[in-house]
C-alpha cells in the first residue's frame, strides 16, 4: 500500500510483483479532493482489509480525519472505521485483525474488531 506523493490517492500493489492492483482517490471516500487528502498512515488490518486515513481542515482551520476500511482484494470502500484514537497517526494496524493506539499517558493499547 502506497500513498501518492501529492496525497491525492492510495494504491494497493500485488505481492511480490509490485504492480498496482487498484487505486482509490480522495473522492472515492466521499470527500472533495480540494479539501481533503490521503494521510501517510494506515495499513493492513488483516489480509482482506486495509485502513486508509483521509484528513482535511474545516473552514475555521480545525483539522479533522477519518479512517476507512477498504476491501484489499476488490478495492471497495466498506465503511468508516473507529480506531479509537485521537490523532490520525495514533493508529497502528498489526495485520492480524488488531491495531494499536495510545492511552493519554502514551502507553500502547491493543484493540480488536471481535
PDB file of N, CA and C in Angstrom:
ATOM      1  N   UNK A   1       0.853  -1.167   0.000  1.00  0.00           N
ATOM      2  CA  UNK A   1       0.000   0.000   0.000  1.00  0.00           C
ATOM      3  C   UNK A   1       0.899   1.231   0.000  1.00  0.00           C
ATOM      4  N   UNK A   2       0.643   2.136  -0.939  1.00  0.00           N
ATOM      5  CA  UNK A   2       1.420   3.374  -1.011  1.00  0.00           C
ATOM      6  C   UNK A   2       0.478   4.564  -1.147  1.00  0.00           C
ATOM      7  N   UNK A   3       0.938   5.722  -0.694  1.00  0.00           N
ATOM      8  CA  UNK A   3       0.194   6.969  -0.823  1.00  0.00           C
ATOM      9  C   UNK A   3       0.924   7.833  -1.835  1.00  0.00           C
ATOM     10  N   UNK A   4       0.170   8.390  -2.773  1.00  0.00           N
ATOM     11  CA  UNK A   4       0.707   9.282  -3.794  1.00  0.00           C
ATOM     12  C   UNK A   4       1.481  10.432  -3.145  1.00  0.00           C
ATOM     13  N   UNK A   5       2.549  10.871  -3.797  1.00  0.00           N
ATOM     14  CA  UNK A   5       3.382  11.956  -3.266  1.00  0.00           C
ATOM     15  C   UNK A   5       2.549  13.199  -2.940  1.00  0.00           C
ATOM     16  N   UNK A   6       1.568  13.513  -3.778  1.00  0.00           N
ATOM     17  CA  UNK A   6       0.710  14.673  -3.546  1.00  0.00           C
ATOM     18  C   UNK A   6      -0.460  14.350  -2.621  1.00  0.00           C
ATOM     19  N   UNK A   7      -0.509  13.123  -2.114  1.00  0.00           N
ATOM     20  CA  UNK A   7      -1.548  12.639  -1.206  1.00  0.00           C
ATOM     21  C   UNK A   7      -2.945  12.697  -1.830  1.00  0.00           C
ATOM     22  N   UNK A   8      -3.008  12.504  -3.148  1.00  0.00           N
ATOM     23  CA  UNK A   8      -4.281  12.529  -3.864  1.00  0.00           C
ATOM     24  C   UNK A   8      -4.955  11.165  -3.898  1.00  0.00           C
ATOM     25  N   UNK A   9      -4.168  10.087  -3.723  1.00  0.00           N
ATOM     26  CA  UNK A   9      -4.751   8.754  -3.756  1.00  0.00           C
ATOM     27  C   UNK A   9      -3.885   7.744  -3.027  1.00  0.00           C
ATOM     28  N   UNK A  10      -4.455   6.561  -2.854  1.00  0.00           N
ATOM     29  CA  UNK A  10      -3.756   5.439  -2.251  1.00  0.00           C
ATOM     30  C   UNK A  10      -3.781   4.299  -3.267  1.00  0.00           C
ATOM     31  N   UNK A  11      -2.684   3.585  -3.389  1.00  0.00           N
ATOM     32  CA  UNK A  11      -2.603   2.459  -4.319  1.00  0.00           C
ATOM     33  C   UNK A  11      -2.258   1.196  -3.541  1.00  0.00           C
ATOM     34  N   UNK A  12      -2.864   0.093  -3.937  1.00  0.00           N
ATOM     35  CA  UNK A  12      -2.544  -1.209  -3.369  1.00  0.00           C
ATOM     36  C   UNK A  12      -1.820  -1.991  -4.448  1.00  0.00           C
ATOM     37  N   UNK A  13      -0.692  -2.561  -4.071  1.00  0.00           N
ATOM     38  CA  UNK A  13       0.164  -3.275  -5.011  1.00  0.00           C
ATOM     39  C   UNK A  13       0.100  -4.774  -4.772  1.00  0.00           C
ATOM     40  N   UNK A  14       0.204  -5.538  -5.861  1.00  0.00           N
ATOM     41  CA  UNK A  14       0.256  -7.001  -5.759  1.00  0.00           C
ATOM     42  C   UNK A  14       1.613  -7.403  -5.196  1.00  0.00           C
ATOM     43  N   UNK A  15       1.614  -8.493  -4.462  1.00  0.00           N
ATOM     44  CA  UNK A  15       2.864  -9.003  -3.905  1.00  0.00           C
ATOM     45  C   UNK A  15       3.125 -10.372  -4.505  1.00  0.00           C
ATOM     46  N   UNK A  16       4.293 -10.682  -4.934  1.00  0.00           N
ATOM     47  CA  UNK A  16       5.548  -9.926  -4.843  1.00  0.00           C
ATOM     48  C   UNK A  16       5.849  -9.098  -6.080  1.00  0.00           C
ATOM     49  N   UNK A  17       5.004  -9.138  -7.105  1.00  0.00           N
ATOM     50  CA  UNK A  17       5.305  -8.463  -8.372  1.00  0.00           C
ATOM     51  C   UNK A  17       5.381  -6.948  -8.245  1.00  0.00           C
ATOM     52  N   UNK A  18       4.496  -6.357  -7.442  1.00  0.00           N
ATOM     53  CA  UNK A  18       4.536  -4.918  -7.225  1.00  0.00           C
ATOM     54  C   UNK A  18       3.640  -4.094  -8.121  1.00  0.00           C
ATOM     55  N   UNK A  19       2.954  -4.714  -9.099  1.00  0.00           N
ATOM     56  CA  UNK A  19       2.089  -3.903  -9.950  1.00  0.00           C
ATOM     57  C   UNK A  19       0.877  -3.418  -9.151  1.00  0.00           C
ATOM     58  N   UNK A  20       0.320  -2.300  -9.577  1.00  0.00           N
ATOM     59  CA  UNK A  20      -0.814  -1.701  -8.890  1.00  0.00           C
ATOM     60  C   UNK A  20      -2.059  -2.540  -9.158  1.00  0.00           C
ATOM     61  N   UNK A  21      -2.687  -3.008  -8.073  1.00  0.00           N
ATOM     62  CA  UNK A  21      -3.929  -3.786  -8.179  1.00  0.00           C
ATOM     63  C   UNK A  21      -5.125  -2.844  -8.318  1.00  0.00           C
ATOM     64  N   UNK A  22      -5.121  -1.745  -7.551  1.00  0.00           N
ATOM     65  CA  UNK A  22      -6.159  -0.725  -7.665  1.00  0.00           C
ATOM     66  C   UNK A  22      -5.679   0.554  -6.994  1.00  0.00           C
ATOM     67  N   UNK A  23      -6.323   1.655  -7.367  1.00  0.00           N
ATOM     68  CA  UNK A  23      -6.042   2.970  -6.804  1.00  0.00           C
ATOM     69  C   UNK A  23      -7.356   3.600  -6.390  1.00  0.00           C
ATOM     70  N   UNK A  24      -7.371   4.251  -5.237  1.00  0.00           N
ATOM     71  CA  UNK A  24      -8.560   4.977  -4.766  1.00  0.00           C
ATOM     72  C   UNK A  24      -8.178   6.426  -4.496  1.00  0.00           C
ATOM     73  N   UNK A  25      -8.910   7.344  -5.110  1.00  0.00           N
ATOM     74  CA  UNK A  25      -8.652   8.764  -4.881  1.00  0.00           C
ATOM     75  C   UNK A  25      -9.507   9.250  -3.713  1.00  0.00           C
ATOM     76  N   UNK A  26      -9.244  10.442  -3.252  1.00  0.00           N
ATOM     77  CA  UNK A  26      -9.951  11.022  -2.108  1.00  0.00           C
ATOM     78  C   UNK A  26     -11.457  11.020  -2.330  1.00  0.00           C
ATOM     79  N   UNK A  27     -11.907  11.302  -3.536  1.00  0.00           N
ATOM     80  CA  UNK A  27     -13.350  11.348  -3.779  1.00  0.00           C
ATOM     81  C   UNK A  27     -14.023   9.981  -3.669  1.00  0.00           C
ATOM     82  N   UNK A  28     -13.280   8.889  -3.777  1.00  0.00           N
ATOM     83  CA  UNK A  28     -13.851   7.543  -3.586  1.00  0.00           C
ATOM     84  C   UNK A  28     -14.334   7.360  -2.148  1.00  0.00           C
ATOM     85  N   UNK A  29     -13.819   8.185  -1.233  1.00  0.00           N
ATOM     86  CA  UNK A  29     -14.210   8.125   0.174  1.00  0.00           C
ATOM     87  C   UNK A  29     -15.291   9.156   0.506  1.00  0.00           C
ATOM     88  N   UNK A  30     -15.791   9.850  -0.520  1.00  0.00           N
ATOM     89  CA  UNK A  30     -16.858  10.826  -0.322  1.00  0.00           C
ATOM     90  C   UNK A  30     -16.383  12.205   0.075  1.00  0.00           C
ATOM     91  N   UNK A  31     -15.109  12.501  -0.152  1.00  0.00           N
ATOM     92  CA  UNK A  31     -14.555  13.807   0.225  1.00  0.00           C
ATOM     93  C   UNK A  31     -14.075  14.546  -1.015  1.00  0.00           C
ATOM     94  N   UNK A  32     -14.117  15.854  -0.932  1.00  0.00           N
ATOM     95  CA  UNK A  32     -13.671  16.725  -2.020  1.00  0.00           C
ATOM     96  C   UNK A  32     -12.145  16.730  -2.055  1.00  0.00           C
ATOM     97  N   UNK A  33     -11.535  16.366  -3.193  1.00  0.00           N
ATOM     98  CA  UNK A  33     -10.069  16.353  -3.288  1.00  0.00           C
ATOM     99  C   UNK A  33      -9.418  17.715  -3.064  1.00  0.00           C
ATOM    100  N   UNK A  34     -10.185  18.795  -3.223  1.00  0.00           N
ATOM    101  CA  UNK A  34      -9.638  20.127  -2.972  1.00  0.00           C
ATOM    102  C   UNK A  34      -9.629  20.464  -1.479  1.00  0.00           C
ATOM    103  N   UNK A  35     -10.341  19.669  -0.677  1.00  0.00           N
ATOM    104  CA  UNK A  35     -10.463  19.959   0.751  1.00  0.00           C
ATOM    105  C   UNK A  35      -9.915  18.855   1.657  1.00  0.00           C
ATOM    106  N   UNK A  36      -9.490  17.734   1.083  1.00  0.00           N
ATOM    107  CA  UNK A  36      -9.006  16.610   1.885  1.00  0.00           C
ATOM    108  C   UNK A  36      -7.878  15.903   1.146  1.00  0.00           C
ATOM    109  N   UNK A  37      -7.138  15.093   1.887  1.00  0.00           N
ATOM    110  CA  UNK A  37      -6.045  14.331   1.286  1.00  0.00           C
ATOM    111  C   UNK A  37      -5.898  12.990   2.002  1.00  0.00           C
ATOM    112  N   UNK A  38      -5.161  12.093   1.357  1.00  0.00           N
ATOM    113  CA  UNK A  38      -4.853  10.802   1.963  1.00  0.00           C
ATOM    114  C   UNK A  38      -3.653  11.006   2.882  1.00  0.00           C
ATOM    115  N   UNK A  39      -3.773  10.562   4.123  1.00  0.00           N
ATOM    116  CA  UNK A  39      -2.667  10.684   5.073  1.00  0.00           C
ATOM    117  C   UNK A  39      -1.672   9.553   4.858  1.00  0.00           C
ATOM    118  N   UNK A  40      -0.474   9.721   5.379  1.00  0.00           N
ATOM    119  CA  UNK A  40       0.613   8.748   5.221  1.00  0.00           C
ATOM    120  C   UNK A  40       0.469   7.572   6.176  1.00  0.00           C
ATOM    121  N   UNK A  41      -0.554   7.559   6.999  1.00  0.00           N
ATOM    122  CA  UNK A  41      -0.749   6.458   7.953  1.00  0.00           C
ATOM    123  C   UNK A  41      -1.811   5.500   7.419  1.00  0.00           C
ATOM    124  N   UNK A  42      -1.955   4.383   8.086  1.00  0.00           N
ATOM    125  CA  UNK A  42      -2.892   3.348   7.671  1.00  0.00           C
ATOM    126  C   UNK A  42      -2.128   2.063   7.469  1.00  0.00           C
ATOM    127  N   UNK A  43      -2.761   1.103   6.851  1.00  0.00           N
ATOM    128  CA  UNK A  43      -2.090  -0.163   6.597  1.00  0.00           C
ATOM    129  C   UNK A  43      -3.068  -1.317   6.619  1.00  0.00           C
ATOM    130  N   UNK A  44      -2.527  -2.521   6.695  1.00  0.00           N
ATOM    131  CA  UNK A  44      -3.347  -3.734   6.652  1.00  0.00           C
ATOM    132  C   UNK A  44      -3.877  -4.084   8.035  1.00  0.00           C
ATOM    133  N   UNK A  45      -5.198  -4.088   8.164  1.00  0.00           N
ATOM    134  CA  UNK A  45      -5.834  -4.552   9.396  1.00  0.00           C
ATOM    135  C   UNK A  45      -5.770  -6.074   9.456  1.00  0.00           C
ATOM    136  N   UNK A  46      -6.007  -6.709   8.311  1.00  0.00           N
ATOM    137  CA  UNK A  46      -5.862  -8.157   8.132  1.00  0.00           C
ATOM    138  C   UNK A  46      -5.611  -8.382   6.644  1.00  0.00           C
ATOM    139  N   UNK A  47      -5.426  -9.603   6.185  1.00  0.00           N
ATOM    140  CA  UNK A  47      -5.111  -9.800   4.760  1.00  0.00           C
ATOM    141  C   UNK A  47      -6.190  -9.301   3.790  1.00  0.00           C
ATOM    142  N   UNK A  48      -7.419  -9.159   4.263  1.00  0.00           N
ATOM    143  CA  UNK A  48      -8.528  -8.741   3.398  1.00  0.00           C
ATOM    144  C   UNK A  48      -8.933  -7.286   3.553  1.00  0.00           C
ATOM    145  N   UNK A  49      -8.398  -6.587   4.536  1.00  0.00           N
ATOM    146  CA  UNK A  49      -8.854  -5.231   4.853  1.00  0.00           C
ATOM    147  C   UNK A  49      -7.687  -4.292   5.081  1.00  0.00           C
ATOM    148  N   UNK A  50      -7.719  -3.154   4.379  1.00  0.00           N
ATOM    149  CA  UNK A  50      -6.752  -2.099   4.662  1.00  0.00           C
ATOM    150  C   UNK A  50      -7.490  -0.927   5.303  1.00  0.00           C
ATOM    151  N   UNK A  51      -6.747  -0.155   6.059  1.00  0.00           N
ATOM    152  CA  UNK A  51      -7.279   1.063   6.659  1.00  0.00           C
ATOM    153  C   UNK A  51      -6.613   2.240   5.957  1.00  0.00           C
ATOM    154  N   UNK A  52      -7.456   3.148   5.433  1.00  0.00           N
ATOM    155  CA  UNK A  52      -6.978   4.348   4.751  1.00  0.00           C
ATOM    156  C   UNK A  52      -7.465   5.544   5.555  1.00  0.00           C
ATOM    157  N   UNK A  53      -6.596   6.525   5.737  1.00  0.00           N
ATOM    158  CA  UNK A  53      -6.939   7.717   6.507  1.00  0.00           C
ATOM    159  C   UNK A  53      -7.043   8.920   5.580  1.00  0.00           C
ATOM    160  N   UNK A  54      -8.178   9.616   5.678  1.00  0.00           N
ATOM    161  CA  UNK A  54      -8.420  10.849   4.927  1.00  0.00           C
ATOM    162  C   UNK A  54      -8.455  11.983   5.946  1.00  0.00           C
ATOM    163  N   UNK A  55      -7.796  13.097   5.630  1.00  0.00           N
ATOM    164  CA  UNK A  55      -7.741  14.225   6.560  1.00  0.00           C
ATOM    165  C   UNK A  55      -7.947  15.529   5.808  1.00  0.00           C
ATOM    166  N   UNK A  56      -8.357  16.532   6.565  1.00  0.00           N
ATOM    167  CA  UNK A  56      -8.564  17.850   5.982  1.00  0.00           C
ATOM    168  C   UNK A  56      -8.663  18.897   7.075  1.00  0.00           C
ATOM    169  N   UNK A  57      -9.189  20.048   6.682  1.00  0.00           N
ATOM    170  CA  UNK A  57      -9.336  21.164   7.594  1.00  0.00           C
ATOM    171  C   UNK A  57     -10.686  21.814   7.343  1.00  0.00           C
ATOM    172  N   UNK A  58     -11.386  22.213   8.420  1.00  0.00           N
ATOM    173  CA  UNK A  58     -12.660  22.897   8.276  1.00  0.00           C
ATOM    174  C   UNK A  58     -12.408  24.347   7.867  1.00  0.00           C
ATOM    175  N   UNK A  59     -13.487  25.065   7.583  1.00  0.00           N
ATOM    176  CA  UNK A  59     -13.360  26.469   7.203  1.00  0.00           C
ATOM    177  C   UNK A  59     -12.722  27.306   8.308  1.00  0.00           C
ATOM    178  N   UNK A  60     -12.922  26.906   9.569  1.00  0.00           N
ATOM    179  CA  UNK A  60     -12.306  27.652  10.672  1.00  0.00           C
ATOM    180  C   UNK A  60     -10.976  27.027  11.113  1.00  0.00           C
ATOM    181  N   UNK A  61     -10.328  26.321  10.182  1.00  0.00           N
ATOM    182  CA  UNK A  61      -8.979  25.773  10.314  1.00  0.00           C
ATOM    183  C   UNK A  61      -8.835  24.700  11.398  1.00  0.00           C
ATOM    184  N   UNK A  62      -9.926  23.992  11.691  1.00  0.00           N
ATOM    185  CA  UNK A  62      -9.867  22.856  12.606  1.00  0.00           C
ATOM    186  C   UNK A  62      -9.545  21.605  11.801  1.00  0.00           C
ATOM    187  N   UNK A  63      -8.490  20.904  12.196  1.00  0.00           N
ATOM    188  CA  UNK A  63      -8.113  19.688  11.484  1.00  0.00           C
ATOM    189  C   UNK A  63      -9.077  18.558  11.831  1.00  0.00           C
ATOM    190  N   UNK A  64      -9.345  17.696  10.857  1.00  0.00           N
ATOM    191  CA  UNK A  64     -10.188  16.523  11.061  1.00  0.00           C
ATOM    192  C   UNK A  64      -9.578  15.344  10.313  1.00  0.00           C
ATOM    193  N   UNK A  65      -9.977  14.150  10.691  1.00  0.00           N
ATOM    194  CA  UNK A  65      -9.545  12.957   9.977  1.00  0.00           C
ATOM    195  C   UNK A  65     -10.591  11.861  10.140  1.00  0.00           C
ATOM    196  N   UNK A  66     -10.602  10.943   9.180  1.00  0.00           N
ATOM    197  CA  UNK A  66     -11.471   9.769   9.213  1.00  0.00           C
ATOM    198  C   UNK A  66     -10.670   8.580   8.711  1.00  0.00           C
ATOM    199  N   UNK A  67     -10.826   7.444   9.390  1.00  0.00           N
ATOM    200  CA  UNK A  67     -10.247   6.186   8.929  1.00  0.00           C
ATOM    201  C   UNK A  67     -11.343   5.413   8.205  1.00  0.00           C
ATOM    202  N   UNK A  68     -10.967   4.704   7.143  1.00  0.00           N
ATOM    203  CA  UNK A  68     -11.917   3.900   6.374  1.00  0.00           C
ATOM    204  C   UNK A  68     -11.389   2.495   6.170  1.00  0.00           C
ATOM    205  N   UNK A  69     -12.300   1.529   6.240  1.00  0.00           N
ATOM    206  CA  UNK A  69     -11.970   0.145   5.891  1.00  0.00           C
ATOM    207  C   UNK A  69     -12.173  -0.016   4.395  1.00  0.00           C
ATOM    208  N   UNK A  70     -11.208  -0.672   3.741  1.00  0.00           N
ATOM    209  CA  UNK A  70     -11.261  -0.913   2.302  1.00  0.00           C
ATOM    210  C   UNK A  70     -11.021  -2.397   2.064  1.00  0.00           C
ATOM    211  N   UNK A  71     -11.824  -2.991   1.187  1.00  0.00           N
ATOM    212  CA  UNK A  71     -11.621  -4.384   0.785  1.00  0.00           C
ATOM    213  C   UNK A  71     -10.303  -4.445   0.016  1.00  0.00           C
ATOM    214  N   UNK A  72      -9.324  -5.145   0.562  1.00  0.00           N
ATOM    215  CA  UNK A  72      -7.978  -5.174  -0.009  1.00  0.00           C
ATOM    216  C   UNK A  72      -7.900  -5.950  -1.312  1.00  0.00           C
ATOM    217  N   UNK A  73      -8.886  -6.776  -1.589  1.00  0.00           N
ATOM    218  CA  UNK A  73      -8.867  -7.573  -2.820  1.00  0.00           C
ATOM    219  C   UNK A  73      -9.690  -6.930  -3.941  1.00  0.00           C
ATOM    220  N   UNK A  74     -10.849  -6.363  -3.580  1.00  0.00           N
ATOM    221  CA  UNK A  74     -11.743  -5.795  -4.584  1.00  0.00           C
ATOM    222  C   UNK A  74     -11.586  -4.286  -4.753  1.00  0.00           C
ATOM    223  N   UNK A  75     -10.959  -3.628  -3.792  1.00  0.00           N
ATOM    224  CA  UNK A  75     -10.759  -2.187  -3.898  1.00  0.00           C
ATOM    225  C   UNK A  75     -11.999  -1.372  -3.609  1.00  0.00           C
ATOM    226  N   UNK A  76     -12.917  -1.907  -2.831  1.00  0.00           N
ATOM    227  CA  UNK A  76     -14.142  -1.181  -2.479  1.00  0.00           C
ATOM    228  C   UNK A  76     -14.031  -0.595  -1.076  1.00  0.00           C
ATOM    229  N   UNK A  77     -14.451   0.663  -0.945  1.00  0.00           N
ATOM    230  CA  UNK A  77     -14.527   1.288   0.369  1.00  0.00           C
ATOM    231  C   UNK A  77     -15.703   0.659   1.091  1.00  0.00           C
ATOM    232  N   UNK A  78     -15.451   0.097   2.260  1.00  0.00           N
ATOM    233  CA  UNK A  78     -16.520  -0.577   3.021  1.00  0.00           C
ATOM    234  C   UNK A  78     -17.259   0.391   3.923  1.00  0.00           C
ATOM    235  N   UNK A  79     -16.561   1.018   4.851  1.00  0.00           N
ATOM    236  CA  UNK A  79     -17.214   1.893   5.829  1.00  0.00           C
ATOM    237  C   UNK A  79     -16.161   2.668   6.594  1.00  0.00           C
ATOM    238  N   UNK A  80     -16.629   3.659   7.336  1.00  0.00           N
ATOM    239  CA  UNK A  80     -15.737   4.371   8.232  1.00  0.00           C
ATOM    240  C   UNK A  80     -15.305   3.411   9.347  1.00  0.00           C
ATOM    241  N   UNK A  81     -14.104   3.607   9.865  1.00  0.00           N
ATOM    242  CA  UNK A  81     -13.524   2.727  10.876  1.00  0.00           C
ATOM    243  C   UNK A  81     -13.191   3.532  12.117  1.00  0.00           C
ATOM    244  N   UNK A  82     -13.722   3.134  13.255  1.00  0.00           N
ATOM    245  CA  UNK A  82     -13.431   3.804  14.521  1.00  0.00           C
ATOM    246  C   UNK A  82     -12.200   3.154  15.138  1.00  0.00           C
ATOM    247  N   UNK A  83     -11.059   3.801  14.998  1.00  0.00           N
ATOM    248  CA  UNK A  83      -9.805   3.256  15.518  1.00  0.00           C
ATOM    249  C   UNK A  83      -9.625   3.549  17.004  1.00  0.00           C
ATOM    250  N   UNK A  84     -10.488   4.382  17.554  1.00  0.00           N
ATOM    251  CA  UNK A  84     -10.429   4.746  18.972  1.00  0.00           C
ATOM    252  C   UNK A  84      -9.162   5.531  19.317  1.00  0.00           C
ATOM    253  N   UNK A  85      -8.727   6.337  18.373  1.00  0.00           N
ATOM    254  CA  UNK A  85      -7.549   7.174  18.594  1.00  0.00           C
ATOM    255  C   UNK A  85      -7.892   8.641  18.430  1.00  0.00           C
ATOM    256  N   UNK A  86      -7.057   9.496  18.983  1.00  0.00           N
ATOM    257  CA  UNK A  86      -7.306  10.939  18.942  1.00  0.00           C
ATOM    258  C   UNK A  86      -6.531  11.667  17.858  1.00  0.00           C
ATOM    259  N   UNK A  87      -5.686  10.958  17.139  1.00  0.00           N
ATOM    260  CA  UNK A  87      -4.827  11.568  16.130  1.00  0.00           C
ATOM    261  C   UNK A  87      -4.716  10.585  14.969  1.00  0.00           C
ATOM    262  N   UNK A  88      -4.619  11.045  13.732  1.00  0.00           N
ATOM    263  CA  UNK A  88      -4.553  10.100  12.612  1.00  0.00           C
ATOM    264  C   UNK A  88      -3.377   9.132  12.702  1.00  0.00           C
ATOM    265  N   UNK A  89      -2.261   9.605  13.256  1.00  0.00           N
ATOM    266  CA  UNK A  89      -1.080   8.753  13.330  1.00  0.00           C
ATOM    267  C   UNK A  89      -1.040   7.886  14.592  1.00  0.00           C
ATOM    268  N   UNK A  90      -2.112   7.914  15.362  1.00  0.00           N
ATOM    269  CA  UNK A  90      -2.217   7.092  16.556  1.00  0.00           C
ATOM    270  C   UNK A  90      -2.579   5.643  16.213  1.00  0.00           C
ATOM    271  N   UNK A  91      -2.988   5.382  15.010  1.00  0.00           N
ATOM    272  CA  UNK A  91      -3.413   4.053  14.562  1.00  0.00           C
ATOM    273  C   UNK A  91      -2.226   3.263  14.009  1.00  0.00           C
ATOM    274  N   UNK A  92      -2.041   2.047  14.516  1.00  0.00           N
ATOM    275  CA  UNK A  92      -1.009   1.127  14.021  1.00  0.00           C
ATOM    276  C   UNK A  92      -1.652  -0.222  13.748  1.00  0.00           C
ATOM    277  N   UNK A  93      -2.153  -0.461  12.510  1.00  0.00           N
ATOM    278  CA  UNK A  93      -2.708  -1.784  12.199  1.00  0.00           C
ATOM    279  C   UNK A  93      -1.600  -2.841  12.254  1.00  0.00           C
ATOM    280  N   UNK A  94      -1.920  -3.993  12.834  1.00  0.00           N
ATOM    281  CA  UNK A  94      -0.906  -5.036  13.009  1.00  0.00           C
ATOM    282  C   UNK A  94      -1.045  -6.188  12.021  1.00  0.00           C
ATOM    283  N   UNK A  95      -2.091  -6.164  11.174  1.00  0.00           N
ATOM    284  CA  UNK A  95      -2.237  -7.172  10.129  1.00  0.00           C
ATOM    285  C   UNK A  95      -2.931  -8.446  10.550  1.00  0.00           C
ATOM    286  N   UNK A  96      -3.216  -8.590  11.833  1.00  0.00           N
ATOM    287  CA  UNK A  96      -3.859  -9.805  12.334  1.00  0.00           C
ATOM    288  C   UNK A  96      -5.283  -9.547  12.835  1.00  0.00           C
ATOM    289  N   UNK A  97      -5.869  -8.399  12.441  1.00  0.00           N
ATOM    290  CA  UNK A  97      -7.202  -8.026  12.901  1.00  0.00           C
ATOM    291  C   UNK A  97      -7.166  -7.146  14.137  1.00  0.00           C
ATOM    292  N   UNK A  98      -5.974  -6.822  14.618  1.00  0.00           N
ATOM    293  CA  UNK A  98      -5.838  -5.944  15.769  1.00  0.00           C
ATOM    294  C   UNK A  98      -5.056  -4.703  15.366  1.00  0.00           C
ATOM    295  N   UNK A  99      -5.109  -3.694  16.235  1.00  0.00           N
ATOM    296  CA  UNK A  99      -4.360  -2.469  15.997  1.00  0.00           C
ATOM    297  C   UNK A  99      -3.998  -1.839  17.334  1.00  0.00           C
ATOM    298  N   UNK A 100      -3.020  -0.968  17.295  1.00  0.00           N
ATOM    299  CA  UNK A 100      -2.574  -0.257  18.485  1.00  0.00           C
ATOM    300  C   UNK A 100      -2.955   1.207  18.398  1.00  0.00           C
ATOM    301  N   UNK A 101      -3.294   1.769  19.555  1.00  0.00           N
ATOM    302  CA  UNK A 101      -3.386   3.211  19.754  1.00  0.00           C
ATOM    303  C   UNK A 101      -2.622   3.481  21.045  1.00  0.00           C
ATOM    304  N   UNK A 102      -2.656   4.702  21.517  1.00  0.00           N
ATOM    305  CA  UNK A 102      -2.014   5.006  22.786  1.00  0.00           C
ATOM    306  C   UNK A 102      -3.027   5.611  23.751  1.00  0.00           C
ATOM    307  N   UNK A 103      -2.820   5.351  25.042  1.00  0.00           N
ATOM    308  CA  UNK A 103      -3.681   5.968  26.043  1.00  0.00           C
ATOM    309  C   UNK A 103      -3.139   7.363  26.356  1.00  0.00           C
ATOM    310  N   UNK A 104      -3.829   8.138  27.181  1.00  0.00           N
ATOM    311  CA  UNK A 104      -3.378   9.506  27.462  1.00  0.00           C
ATOM    312  C   UNK A 104      -1.953   9.607  28.019  1.00  0.00           C
ATOM    313  N   UNK A 105      -1.469   8.546  28.677  1.00  0.00           N
ATOM    314  CA  UNK A 105      -0.109   8.592  29.217  1.00  0.00           C
ATOM    315  C   UNK A 105       0.937   8.154  28.200  1.00  0.00           C
ATOM    316  N   UNK A 106       0.482   7.747  26.983  1.00  0.00           N
ATOM    317  CA  UNK A 106       1.412   7.344  25.936  1.00  0.00           C
ATOM    318  C   UNK A 106       1.663   5.850  25.859  1.00  0.00           C
ATOM    319  N   UNK A 107       1.016   5.075  26.708  1.00  0.00           N
ATOM    320  CA  UNK A 107       1.180   3.623  26.687  1.00  0.00           C
ATOM    321  C   UNK A 107       0.315   3.002  25.596  1.00  0.00           C
ATOM    322  N   UNK A 108       0.808   1.942  24.958  1.00  0.00           N
ATOM    323  CA  UNK A 108       0.034   1.308  23.880  1.00  0.00           C
ATOM    324  C   UNK A 108      -1.203   0.595  24.409  1.00  0.00           C
ATOM    325  N   UNK A 109      -2.258   0.640  23.586  1.00  0.00           N
ATOM    326  CA  UNK A 109      -3.499  -0.087  23.861  1.00  0.00           C
ATOM    327  C   UNK A 109      -3.792  -0.917  22.608  1.00  0.00           C
ATOM    328  N   UNK A 110      -3.998  -2.207  22.793  1.00  0.00           N
ATOM    329  CA  UNK A 110      -4.289  -3.085  21.666  1.00  0.00           C
ATOM    330  C   UNK A 110      -5.793  -3.292  21.568  1.00  0.00           C
ATOM    331  N   UNK A 111      -6.316  -3.148  20.332  1.00  0.00           N
ATOM    332  CA  UNK A 111      -7.749  -3.284  20.055  1.00  0.00           C
ATOM    333  C   UNK A 111      -7.972  -4.413  19.071  1.00  0.00           C
ATOM    334  N   UNK A 112      -9.195  -4.919  19.037  1.00  0.00           N
ATOM    335  CA  UNK A 112      -9.566  -5.957  18.072  1.00  0.00           C
ATOM    336  C   UNK A 112     -10.976  -5.688  17.569  1.00  0.00           C
ATOM    337  N   UNK A 113     -11.280  -6.168  16.382  1.00  0.00           N
ATOM    338  CA  UNK A 113     -12.621  -5.987  15.822  1.00  0.00           C
ATOM    339  C   UNK A 113     -13.614  -6.989  16.380  1.00  0.00           C
ATOM    340  N   UNK A 114     -13.132  -8.088  17.004  1.00  0.00           N
ATOM    341  CA  UNK A 114     -14.076  -9.080  17.521  1.00  0.00           C
ATOM    342  C   UNK A 114     -14.539  -8.779  18.906  1.00  0.00           C
TER     343      UNK A 114
END
